[in-house]
Amino acid sequence: MIYNYLIFTCFFLTNGILPSFKGGFPDTLYVGMESQIHISLKGCDPEDVQIKINSGNIYKRDDSTYIFHPQIPEDEMKIKLYYKKLLCELKTVKVKKLADIEPSFEFENQGFIKKSDLQKSGHLQIKYPEDYPEDLKTTLVSFNFMAMEPGGISVYSATIRGDKLDANAMQTIGKLVKGSRLIINNVITQNKRAGMSVLNIHKQIVLVD
């Protein structure tokens, strides 16, 4: 039995027809983000191909594509590719948690902003850490915007499309006084990997002039 297994292994290794990981394989995966693992079958029967990981679950999307959603950070996660119980390839990756992101207005400083600065731009933006992966950066699709007087009375509420306050919102801001509060929530973003998503934030900005 062992002899036959060795002959089988030597045959496939010699002829270079074992399946392998296909394409550029990332060194880092991210918690909660879908990761695709592509396989080059090289004519092998996909029913005899298996992917194993040392933690978490992985499922097969089609004959040559596997999907994995990492759940916890890990310094070393091993991804093993098998064909007929023969280990063909081993990849070691790191799993990291993405840094929390929160949109802020241009010129905003720790939850405070001058009305004059806000009127210059009205642009809501997301600042990312230097090591944030480019393909996970998002664009702002829309957000809810509310303006409240210092006493807590709401004077304006609307859904803003895009990442910039519209003319009606800017007109309202022009009438606000020092101590008024701006509320941002239900921020919808989009990126090419995750599609549309909602940021779970309820952000308050105070006008300081």
C-alpha atoms as a PDB file:
ATOM      1  CA  MET A   1       0.000   0.000   0.000  1.00  0.00           C
ATOM      2  CA  ILE A   2       2.777   2.432   0.948  1.00  0.00           C
ATOM      3  CA  TYR A   3       4.741   1.396  -2.149  1.00  0.00           C
ATOM      4  CA  ASN A   4       1.792   2.185  -4.410  1.00  0.00           C
ATOM      5  CA  TYR A   5       1.305   5.541  -2.729  1.00  0.00           C
ATOM      6  CA  LEU A   6       4.969   6.448  -3.324  1.00  0.00           C
ATOM      7  CA  ILE A   7       4.706   5.477  -6.995  1.00  0.00           C
ATOM      8  CA  PHE A   8       1.555   7.633  -7.304  1.00  0.00           C
ATOM      9  CA  THR A   9       3.293  10.582  -5.641  1.00  0.00           C
ATOM     10  CA  CYS A  10       6.450  10.316  -7.733  1.00  0.00           C
ATOM     11  CA  PHE A  11       4.413  10.080 -10.946  1.00  0.00           C
ATOM     12  CA  PHE A  12       2.472  13.260 -10.283  1.00  0.00           C
ATOM     13  CA  LEU A  13       5.486  15.181  -9.010  1.00  0.00           C
ATOM     14  CA  THR A  14       7.615  14.134 -11.993  1.00  0.00           C
ATOM     15  CA  ASN A  15       4.988  15.055 -14.554  1.00  0.00           C
ATOM     16  CA  GLY A  16       4.055  18.316 -12.833  1.00  0.00           C
ATOM     17  CA  ILE A  17       0.309  17.706 -12.952  1.00  0.00           C
ATOM     18  CA  LEU A  18      -0.603  18.251  -9.350  1.00  0.00           C
ATOM     19  CA  PRO A  19      -3.096  21.081  -8.685  1.00  0.00           C
ATOM     20  CA  SER A  20      -1.687  24.293  -7.263  1.00  0.00           C
ATOM     21  CA  PHE A  21      -2.769  27.637  -5.882  1.00  0.00           C
ATOM     22  CA  LYS A  22      -3.490  29.991  -8.759  1.00  0.00           C
ATOM     23  CA  GLY A  23      -2.660  33.672  -9.107  1.00  0.00           C
ATOM     24  CA  GLY A  24      -1.139  36.017  -6.598  1.00  0.00           C
ATOM     25  CA  PHE A  25      -1.831  34.722  -3.107  1.00  0.00           C
ATOM     26  CA  PRO A  26      -2.079  37.512  -0.485  1.00  0.00           C
ATOM     27  CA  ASP A  27       0.220  37.409   2.523  1.00  0.00           C
ATOM     28  CA  THR A  28      -2.482  38.967   4.709  1.00  0.00           C
ATOM     29  CA  LEU A  29      -6.188  38.212   5.050  1.00  0.00           C
ATOM     30  CA  TYR A  30      -8.670  40.296   7.046  1.00  0.00           C
ATOM     31  CA  VAL A  31     -11.222  39.318   9.668  1.00  0.00           C
ATOM     32  CA  GLY A  32     -14.774  39.308   8.331  1.00  0.00           C
ATOM     33  CA  MET A  33     -13.717  39.902   4.716  1.00  0.00           C
ATOM     34  CA  GLU A  34     -14.377  37.295   2.051  1.00  0.00           C
ATOM     35  CA  SER A  35     -11.161  35.779   0.733  1.00  0.00           C
ATOM     36  CA  GLN A  36     -11.110  33.775  -2.487  1.00  0.00           C
ATOM     37  CA  ILE A  37      -8.696  30.911  -3.025  1.00  0.00           C
ATOM     38  CA  HIS A  38      -8.251  29.962  -6.667  1.00  0.00           C
ATOM     39  CA  ILE A  39      -6.947  26.554  -7.744  1.00  0.00           C
ATOM     40  CA  SER A  40      -5.232  25.572 -10.985  1.00  0.00           C
ATOM     41  CA  LEU A  41      -6.546  22.029 -11.479  1.00  0.00           C
ATOM     42  CA  LYS A  42      -4.130  21.043 -14.294  1.00  0.00           C
ATOM     43  CA  GLY A  43      -6.564  18.402 -15.496  1.00  0.00           C
ATOM     44  CA  CYS A  44      -7.026  16.807 -12.073  1.00  0.00           C
ATOM     45  CA  ASP A  45     -10.456  15.683 -10.907  1.00  0.00           C
ATOM     46  CA  PRO A  46     -11.883  18.516  -8.734  1.00  0.00           C
ATOM     47  CA  GLU A  47     -13.683  15.925  -6.611  1.00  0.00           C
ATOM     48  CA  ASP A  48     -10.301  14.763  -5.342  1.00  0.00           C
ATOM     49  CA  VAL A  49      -9.098  18.267  -4.472  1.00  0.00           C
ATOM     50  CA  GLN A  50      -9.407  19.491  -0.892  1.00  0.00           C
ATOM     51  CA  ILE A  51      -8.446  22.690   0.947  1.00  0.00           C
ATOM     52  CA  LYS A  52      -7.795  22.599   4.684  1.00  0.00           C
ATOM     53  CA  ILE A  53      -7.160  25.434   7.113  1.00  0.00           C
ATOM     54  CA  ASN A  54      -6.070  25.236  10.730  1.00  0.00           C
ATOM     55  CA  SER A  55      -9.043  27.293  11.971  1.00  0.00           C
ATOM     56  CA  GLY A  56     -12.358  28.512  10.623  1.00  0.00           C
ATOM     57  CA  ASN A  57     -14.513  27.220   7.797  1.00  0.00           C
ATOM     58  CA  ILE A  58     -14.016  27.173   4.065  1.00  0.00           C
ATOM     59  CA  TYR A  59     -16.512  26.298   1.344  1.00  0.00           C
ATOM     60  CA  LYS A  60     -16.368  25.498  -2.334  1.00  0.00           C
ATOM     61  CA  ARG A  61     -17.918  28.003  -4.771  1.00  0.00           C
ATOM     62  CA  ASP A  62     -17.047  26.072  -7.903  1.00  0.00           C
ATOM     63  CA  ASP A  63     -14.511  23.471  -9.034  1.00  0.00           C
ATOM     64  CA  SER A  64     -11.558  25.858  -8.805  1.00  0.00           C
ATOM     65  CA  THR A  65     -12.693  28.520  -6.321  1.00  0.00           C
ATOM     66  CA  TYR A  66     -12.940  28.300  -2.547  1.00  0.00           C
ATOM     67  CA  ILE A  67     -14.284  30.963  -0.197  1.00  0.00           C
ATOM     68  CA  PHE A  68     -13.064  31.687   3.313  1.00  0.00           C
ATOM     69  CA  HIS A  69     -14.194  34.296   5.857  1.00  0.00           C
ATOM     70  CA  PRO A  70     -11.546  34.604   8.606  1.00  0.00           C
ATOM     71  CA  GLN A  71     -13.142  35.102  12.017  1.00  0.00           C
ATOM     72  CA  ILE A  72     -10.224  35.785  14.350  1.00  0.00           C
ATOM     73  CA  PRO A  73      -6.768  37.387  13.998  1.00  0.00           C
ATOM     74  CA  GLU A  74      -3.895  34.915  13.673  1.00  0.00           C
ATOM     75  CA  ASP A  75      -0.161  35.399  13.228  1.00  0.00           C
ATOM     76  CA  GLU A  76       0.115  32.191  11.206  1.00  0.00           C
ATOM     77  CA  MET A  77      -2.734  30.532   9.386  1.00  0.00           C
ATOM     78  CA  LYS A  78      -1.819  27.521   7.270  1.00  0.00           C
ATOM     79  CA  ILE A  79      -3.774  26.848   4.088  1.00  0.00           C
ATOM     80  CA  LYS A  80      -3.137  23.380   2.683  1.00  0.00           C
ATOM     81  CA  LEU A  81      -3.991  22.066  -0.764  1.00  0.00           C
ATOM     82  CA  TYR A  82      -4.492  18.313  -1.109  1.00  0.00           C
ATOM     83  CA  TYR A  83      -5.062  16.023  -4.065  1.00  0.00           C
ATOM     84  CA  LYS A  84      -6.117  12.461  -3.231  1.00  0.00           C
ATOM     85  CA  LYS A  85      -4.836  13.049   0.314  1.00  0.00           C
ATOM     86  CA  LEU A  86      -1.448  14.113  -1.052  1.00  0.00           C
ATOM     87  CA  LEU A  87      -0.260  17.508   0.218  1.00  0.00           C
ATOM     88  CA  CYS A  88       0.471  19.524  -2.932  1.00  0.00           C
ATOM     89  CA  GLU A  89       1.069  23.001  -1.565  1.00  0.00           C
ATOM     90  CA  LEU A  90       1.132  24.904   1.715  1.00  0.00           C
ATOM     91  CA  LYS A  91       0.641  28.639   2.185  1.00  0.00           C
ATOM     92  CA  THR A  92       1.124  30.495   5.457  1.00  0.00           C
ATOM     93  CA  VAL A  93      -0.712  33.807   5.834  1.00  0.00           C
ATOM     94  CA  LYS A  94      -1.466  36.324   8.558  1.00  0.00           C
ATOM     95  CA  VAL A  95      -5.028  37.241   9.540  1.00  0.00           C
ATOM     96  CA  LYS A  96      -5.493  40.806  10.787  1.00  0.00           C
ATOM     97  CA  LYS A  97      -8.404  42.859  12.004  1.00  0.00           C
ATOM     98  CA  LEU A  98      -9.089  45.898   9.877  1.00  0.00           C
ATOM     99  CA  ALA A  99      -8.671  49.231  11.626  1.00  0.00           C
ATOM    100  CA  ASP A 100     -11.971  50.898  12.517  1.00  0.00           C
ATOM    101  CA  ILE A 101     -12.785  53.728  10.146  1.00  0.00           C
ATOM    102  CA  GLU A 102     -14.983  56.744  10.720  1.00  0.00           C
ATOM    103  CA  PRO A 103     -15.824  59.510   8.257  1.00  0.00           C
ATOM    104  CA  SER A 104     -15.088  63.093   9.206  1.00  0.00           C
ATOM    105  CA  PHE A 105     -15.631  66.465   7.596  1.00  0.00           C
ATOM    106  CA  GLU A 106     -12.668  68.165   6.022  1.00  0.00           C
ATOM    107  CA  PHE A 107     -11.202  70.596   8.599  1.00  0.00           C
ATOM    108  CA  GLU A 108     -12.956  68.769  11.460  1.00  0.00           C
ATOM    109  CA  ASN A 109     -10.876  68.424  14.623  1.00  0.00           C
ATOM    110  CA  GLN A 110     -11.877  65.714  17.121  1.00  0.00           C
ATOM    111  CA  GLY A 111     -15.606  66.294  16.753  1.00  0.00           C
ATOM    112  CA  PHE A 112     -15.453  70.093  16.457  1.00  0.00           C
ATOM    113  CA  ILE A 113     -15.492  72.309  13.379  1.00  0.00           C
ATOM    114  CA  LYS A 114     -15.707  75.986  12.519  1.00  0.00           C
ATOM    115  CA  LYS A 115     -18.787  76.921  10.537  1.00  0.00           C
ATOM    116  CA  SER A 116     -16.638  78.881   8.116  1.00  0.00           C
ATOM    117  CA  ASP A 117     -14.449  75.812   7.475  1.00  0.00           C
ATOM    118  CA  LEU A 118     -17.472  73.585   6.959  1.00  0.00           C
ATOM    119  CA  GLN A 119     -18.909  76.069   4.469  1.00  0.00           C
ATOM    120  CA  LYS A 120     -15.665  75.981   2.481  1.00  0.00           C
ATOM    121  CA  SER A 121     -16.046  72.317   1.670  1.00  0.00           C
ATOM    122  CA  GLY A 122     -18.883  70.314   3.208  1.00  0.00           C
ATOM    123  CA  HIS A 123     -16.923  67.246   2.175  1.00  0.00           C
ATOM    124  CA  LEU A 124     -17.260  64.079   4.275  1.00  0.00           C
ATOM    125  CA  GLN A 125     -14.168  61.921   3.954  1.00  0.00           C
ATOM    126  CA  ILE A 126     -12.581  58.780   5.338  1.00  0.00           C
ATOM    127  CA  LYS A 127      -8.947  58.850   6.443  1.00  0.00           C
ATOM    128  CA  TYR A 128      -7.171  55.493   6.386  1.00  0.00           C
ATOM    129  CA  PRO A 129      -4.056  54.242   8.180  1.00  0.00           C
ATOM    130  CA  GLU A 130      -0.999  53.953   5.938  1.00  0.00           C
ATOM    131  CA  ASP A 131      -1.139  50.130   5.889  1.00  0.00           C
ATOM    132  CA  TYR A 132      -4.845  49.933   4.997  1.00  0.00           C
ATOM    133  CA  PRO A 133      -5.233  47.744   1.865  1.00  0.00           C
ATOM    134  CA  GLU A 134      -6.119  49.715  -1.244  1.00  0.00           C
ATOM    135  CA  ASP A 135      -8.746  47.254  -2.483  1.00  0.00           C
ATOM    136  CA  LEU A 136     -10.691  47.594   0.781  1.00  0.00           C
ATOM    137  CA  LYS A 137     -10.920  51.379   0.723  1.00  0.00           C
ATOM    138  CA  THR A 138     -14.450  52.620   0.166  1.00  0.00           C
ATOM    139  CA  THR A 139     -16.353  55.402  -1.506  1.00  0.00           C
ATOM    140  CA  LEU A 140     -19.217  57.130   0.281  1.00  0.00           C
ATOM    141  CA  VAL A 141     -22.588  56.453  -1.332  1.00  0.00           C
ATOM    142  CA  SER A 142     -24.869  58.378   1.042  1.00  0.00           C
ATOM    143  CA  PHE A 143     -25.342  59.426   4.662  1.00  0.00           C
ATOM    144  CA  ASN A 144     -28.034  60.819   6.931  1.00  0.00           C
ATOM    145  CA  PHE A 145     -27.406  64.380   8.062  1.00  0.00           C
ATOM    146  CA  MET A 146     -29.201  66.237  10.857  1.00  0.00           C
ATOM    147  CA  ALA A 147     -28.650  69.755  12.197  1.00  0.00           C
ATOM    148  CA  MET A 148     -29.710  70.662  15.735  1.00  0.00           C
ATOM    149  CA  GLU A 149     -29.752  73.972  17.567  1.00  0.00           C
ATOM    150  CA  PRO A 150     -27.891  74.220  20.922  1.00  0.00           C
ATOM    151  CA  GLY A 151     -31.148  73.564  22.780  1.00  0.00           C
ATOM    152  CA  GLY A 152     -31.609  70.241  20.986  1.00  0.00           C
ATOM    153  CA  ILE A 153     -34.283  71.268  18.466  1.00  0.00           C
ATOM    154  CA  SER A 154     -33.816  69.619  15.081  1.00  0.00           C
ATOM    155  CA  VAL A 155     -33.883  72.178  12.251  1.00  0.00           C
ATOM    156  CA  TYR A 156     -32.845  70.004   9.334  1.00  0.00           C
ATOM    157  CA  SER A 157     -32.750  66.312   8.423  1.00  0.00           C
ATOM    158  CA  ALA A 158     -32.035  64.699   5.063  1.00  0.00           C
ATOM    159  CA  THR A 159     -30.261  61.867   3.281  1.00  0.00           C
ATOM    160  CA  ILE A 160     -27.261  63.213   1.408  1.00  0.00           C
ATOM    161  CA  ARG A 161     -26.218  61.450  -1.782  1.00  0.00           C
ATOM    162  CA  GLY A 162     -22.503  61.180  -2.354  1.00  0.00           C
ATOM    163  CA  ASP A 163     -19.880  62.579   0.020  1.00  0.00           C
ATOM    164  CA  LYS A 164     -20.678  66.299   0.018  1.00  0.00           C
ATOM    165  CA  LEU A 165     -23.387  68.356   1.685  1.00  0.00           C
ATOM    166  CA  ASP A 166     -25.895  69.669  -0.844  1.00  0.00           C
ATOM    167  CA  ALA A 167     -27.119  73.260  -1.281  1.00  0.00           C
ATOM    168  CA  ASN A 168     -30.066  72.868   1.125  1.00  0.00           C
ATOM    169  CA  ALA A 169     -27.830  71.512   3.893  1.00  0.00           C
ATOM    170  CA  MET A 170     -25.283  74.266   3.354  1.00  0.00           C
ATOM    171  CA  GLN A 171     -27.996  76.907   3.486  1.00  0.00           C
ATOM    172  CA  THR A 172     -29.149  75.521   6.834  1.00  0.00           C
ATOM    173  CA  ILE A 173     -25.592  75.512   8.189  1.00  0.00           C
ATOM    174  CA  GLY A 174     -25.302  79.192   7.313  1.00  0.00           C
ATOM    175  CA  LYS A 175     -28.115  79.943   9.806  1.00  0.00           C
ATOM    176  CA  LEU A 176     -26.714  77.872  12.678  1.00  0.00           C
ATOM    177  CA  VAL A 177     -25.106  79.437  15.740  1.00  0.00           C
ATOM    178  CA  LYS A 178     -22.165  78.432  17.904  1.00  0.00           C
ATOM    179  CA  GLY A 179     -22.868  75.224  19.863  1.00  0.00           C
ATOM    180  CA  SER A 180     -25.169  73.771  17.231  1.00  0.00           C
ATOM    181  CA  ARG A 181     -24.676  70.064  16.586  1.00  0.00           C
ATOM    182  CA  LEU A 182     -24.463  68.102  13.366  1.00  0.00           C
ATOM    183  CA  ILE A 183     -25.386  64.411  13.435  1.00  0.00           C
ATOM    184  CA  ILE A 184     -24.095  61.871  10.920  1.00  0.00           C
ATOM    185  CA  ASN A 185     -25.417  58.301  10.782  1.00  0.00           C
ATOM    186  CA  ASN A 186     -26.513  55.539   8.407  1.00  0.00           C
ATOM    187  CA  VAL A 187     -23.369  55.997   6.327  1.00  0.00           C
ATOM    188  CA  ILE A 188     -23.483  53.728   3.272  1.00  0.00           C
ATOM    189  CA  THR A 189     -20.179  52.867   1.601  1.00  0.00           C
ATOM    190  CA  GLN A 190     -19.109  50.746  -1.320  1.00  0.00           C
ATOM    191  CA  ASN A 191     -15.958  48.974  -2.406  1.00  0.00           C
ATOM    192  CA  LYS A 192     -15.143  46.509  -5.153  1.00  0.00           C
ATOM    193  CA  ARG A 193     -14.659  43.553  -2.798  1.00  0.00           C
ATOM    194  CA  ALA A 194     -17.469  43.892  -0.266  1.00  0.00           C
ATOM    195  CA  GLY A 195     -20.041  45.850  -2.286  1.00  0.00           C
ATOM    196  CA  MET A 196     -22.413  48.080  -0.325  1.00  0.00           C
ATOM    197  CA  SER A 197     -22.225  48.192   3.463  1.00  0.00           C
ATOM    198  CA  VAL A 198     -23.482  50.384   6.306  1.00  0.00           C
ATOM    199  CA  LEU A 199     -21.076  51.850   8.861  1.00  0.00           C
ATOM    200  CA  ASN A 200     -22.420  51.401  12.364  1.00  0.00           C
ATOM    201  CA  ILE A 201     -21.791  54.935  13.598  1.00  0.00           C
ATOM    202  CA  HIS A 202     -23.706  57.795  15.176  1.00  0.00           C
ATOM    203  CA  LYS A 203     -21.371  60.738  14.923  1.00  0.00           C
ATOM    204  CA  GLN A 204     -21.821  64.190  16.461  1.00  0.00           C
ATOM    205  CA  ILE A 205     -19.934  67.330  15.398  1.00  0.00           C
ATOM    206  CA  VAL A 206     -20.179  70.625  17.268  1.00  0.00           C
ATOM    207  CA  LEU A 207     -19.899  74.052  15.622  1.00  0.00           C
ATOM    208  CA  VAL A 208     -17.379  76.198  17.480  1.00  0.00           C
ATOM    209  CA  ASP A 209     -18.140  79.608  15.912  1.00  0.00           C
END
